[in-house]
Protein backbone atom coordinates (compact mmCIF):
# COMPACT_ATOMS: atom_id res chain seq x y z
CA UNK A 1 15.39 -58.89 -33.62
CA UNK A 2 11.62 -58.54 -33.46
CA UNK A 3 9.55 -57.97 -30.29
CA UNK A 4 8.59 -61.58 -29.95
CA UNK A 5 12.15 -62.79 -30.16
CA UNK A 6 13.29 -60.15 -27.60
CA UNK A 7 10.64 -61.33 -25.24
CA UNK A 8 11.54 -64.96 -25.66
CA UNK A 9 15.14 -64.17 -25.12
CA UNK A 10 14.38 -62.20 -21.98
CA UNK A 11 12.23 -64.89 -20.49
CA UNK A 12 14.79 -67.63 -21.26
CA UNK A 13 17.60 -65.56 -19.74
CA UNK A 14 15.34 -65.29 -16.56
CA UNK A 15 14.83 -69.14 -16.15
CA UNK A 16 11.36 -69.12 -17.86
CA UNK A 17 11.68 -71.66 -20.68
CA UNK A 18 9.90 -70.51 -23.82
CA UNK A 19 9.45 -71.65 -27.37
CA UNK A 20 8.04 -69.86 -30.33
CA UNK A 21 4.81 -71.29 -31.64
CA UNK A 22 3.09 -70.71 -35.05
CA UNK A 23 0.21 -68.31 -35.10
CA UNK A 24 -3.36 -69.47 -35.13
CA UNK A 25 -3.71 -68.76 -38.81
CA UNK A 26 -0.33 -70.47 -39.58
CA UNK A 27 0.14 -74.19 -40.35
CA UNK A 28 0.11 -76.77 -37.60
CA UNK A 29 1.58 -77.20 -35.12
CA UNK A 30 0.24 -73.86 -34.09
CA UNK A 31 -1.04 -72.20 -30.89
CA UNK A 32 -4.48 -73.93 -31.21
CA UNK A 33 -2.99 -77.36 -31.51
CA UNK A 34 -0.70 -76.57 -28.52
CA UNK A 35 -3.66 -75.51 -26.44
CA UNK A 36 -5.53 -78.75 -27.44
CA UNK A 37 -2.46 -80.82 -26.49
CA UNK A 38 -3.09 -80.32 -22.77
CA UNK A 39 0.42 -78.95 -22.12
CA UNK A 40 -0.73 -75.35 -21.42
CA UNK A 41 -2.07 -74.35 -18.01
CA UNK A 42 -2.18 -70.60 -18.47
CA UNK A 43 -2.64 -68.19 -21.30
CA UNK A 44 -1.70 -64.50 -21.05
CA UNK A 45 -3.27 -62.71 -23.89
CA UNK A 46 -3.34 -58.95 -24.00
CA UNK A 47 -4.64 -57.31 -27.05
CA UNK A 48 -5.29 -53.64 -27.70
CA UNK A 49 -7.00 -54.39 -31.03
CA UNK A 50 -10.45 -55.16 -29.51
CA UNK A 51 -12.71 -58.27 -29.66
CA UNK A 52 -13.11 -58.87 -33.34
CA UNK A 53 -13.80 -62.64 -33.79
CA UNK A 54 -11.52 -62.98 -36.72
CA UNK A 55 -8.52 -61.99 -34.76
CA UNK A 56 -6.12 -64.56 -33.62
CA UNK A 57 -6.09 -63.42 -30.00
CA UNK A 58 -9.83 -63.90 -29.82
CA UNK A 59 -9.70 -67.49 -31.35
CA UNK A 60 -6.88 -68.30 -28.85
CA UNK A 61 -8.87 -67.08 -25.80
CA UNK A 62 -11.96 -68.94 -27.08
CA UNK A 63 -10.03 -72.15 -27.35
CA UNK A 64 -8.64 -71.53 -23.85
CA UNK A 65 -12.16 -71.25 -22.49
CA UNK A 66 -13.33 -74.43 -24.38
CA UNK A 67 -10.37 -76.31 -22.81
CA UNK A 68 -10.91 -74.76 -19.36
CA UNK A 69 -7.39 -73.18 -19.48
CA UNK A 70 -7.06 -70.12 -17.26
CA UNK A 71 -6.93 -67.09 -19.61
CA UNK A 72 -5.58 -63.79 -18.37
CA UNK A 73 -6.18 -60.65 -20.37
CA UNK A 74 -4.32 -58.15 -18.17
CA UNK A 75 -0.63 -57.96 -17.23
CA UNK A 76 -1.44 -56.80 -13.62
CA UNK A 77 -3.64 -59.97 -13.13
CA UNK A 78 -0.86 -62.12 -14.61
CA UNK A 79 1.57 -60.54 -12.32
CA UNK A 80 -0.68 -61.11 -9.25
CA UNK A 81 -1.06 -64.77 -10.24
CA UNK A 82 2.65 -65.20 -10.60
CA UNK A 83 3.14 -63.76 -7.02
CA UNK A 84 0.64 -66.09 -5.74
CA UNK A 85 2.17 -69.15 -7.40
CA UNK A 86 5.60 -68.21 -6.13
CA UNK A 87 4.36 -68.41 -2.48
CA UNK A 88 3.78 -72.15 -2.94
CA UNK A 89 0.54 -71.91 -0.82
CA UNK A 90 -2.34 -74.34 -1.16
CA UNK A 91 -6.06 -73.69 -0.90
CA UNK A 92 -5.86 -74.88 2.75
CA UNK A 93 -3.68 -71.81 3.53
CA UNK A 94 -6.20 -69.32 2.25
CA UNK A 95 -9.32 -68.10 4.00
CA UNK A 96 -12.24 -67.78 1.59
CA UNK A 97 -14.64 -64.83 2.16
CA UNK A 98 -18.11 -64.77 0.81
CA UNK A 99 -18.36 -61.26 -0.56
CA UNK A 100 -22.15 -61.39 -0.46
CA UNK A 101 -21.91 -61.28 3.26
CA UNK A 102 -19.54 -58.39 3.64
């Protein structure tokens, strides 16, 4: 079993429904067509390979930005977002602070 299959299995066992999607460079439906579908709200894309424009990860992040989809590039940021989402708070529950006045 490859790493992607192991991750999918782990997420599904922990009640996070997942499906495998074709890579950017593979035939449609692929990750780009899925991003364009409007069904995706968050992208977590961590890449240690750099920011070469030809890489699938860069194309996926660019498409996320074009579609105004939140794109997270670090696991700690994704974990922080997950923790916030689990609290079920709304913007009305949060005090906003203008950091320019601190």
